[in-house]
């Protein structure tokens, strides 16, 4: 039987049992290439953790905050979709995959999202505040009402993505015009 952990703090531990974690805080974990298949996290916070290249198959992430974390190369494509709710603050997500995920209203605040794959994801009403989106892939992505006002280095093709009501700064318009081959000086 799976264990259930509630209202606990895990700081610097080297192992997490496959279990259900509710209202828990995780600090200073180093779980690069760890397999989180079938784990369940509800209303949890991860602070200063390294999950680079970790596996997240059928993992439940409901109201989960990742702050100052490294999630480089993490493939979130096969997360448990039920109640999926994540927030990323000051985290490194280079080369992460969010392919086809339904994650509206997701916050990416002050994150590095270099070459992240958002193909066919639903990011309706999401916020990319102060985030670097260099080389991020948006293809058939729902970006309606998303906030790119302070985002940097993004390229969004208006013909290949839904962008109705999305917010962009005047400086960010270059990221919308690149697909037309227009030179802005």
Foldseek 3Di string as FASTA:
>chain_A
DADEAECEEAEADADDGQHAYENYEYEDAEQAQAENANHEYALYEYECYEHDNHEAAQYHAANYEYENYEHELYECCRYNQPNHEYEYECYEHENYENALHAYEQYEHALYEHALYECENYEHALYENHNYEHANYDYFQYECDLYECQNYPNAADAVVGYHHHNYDYHPVRCCSHCVVVVDDDD
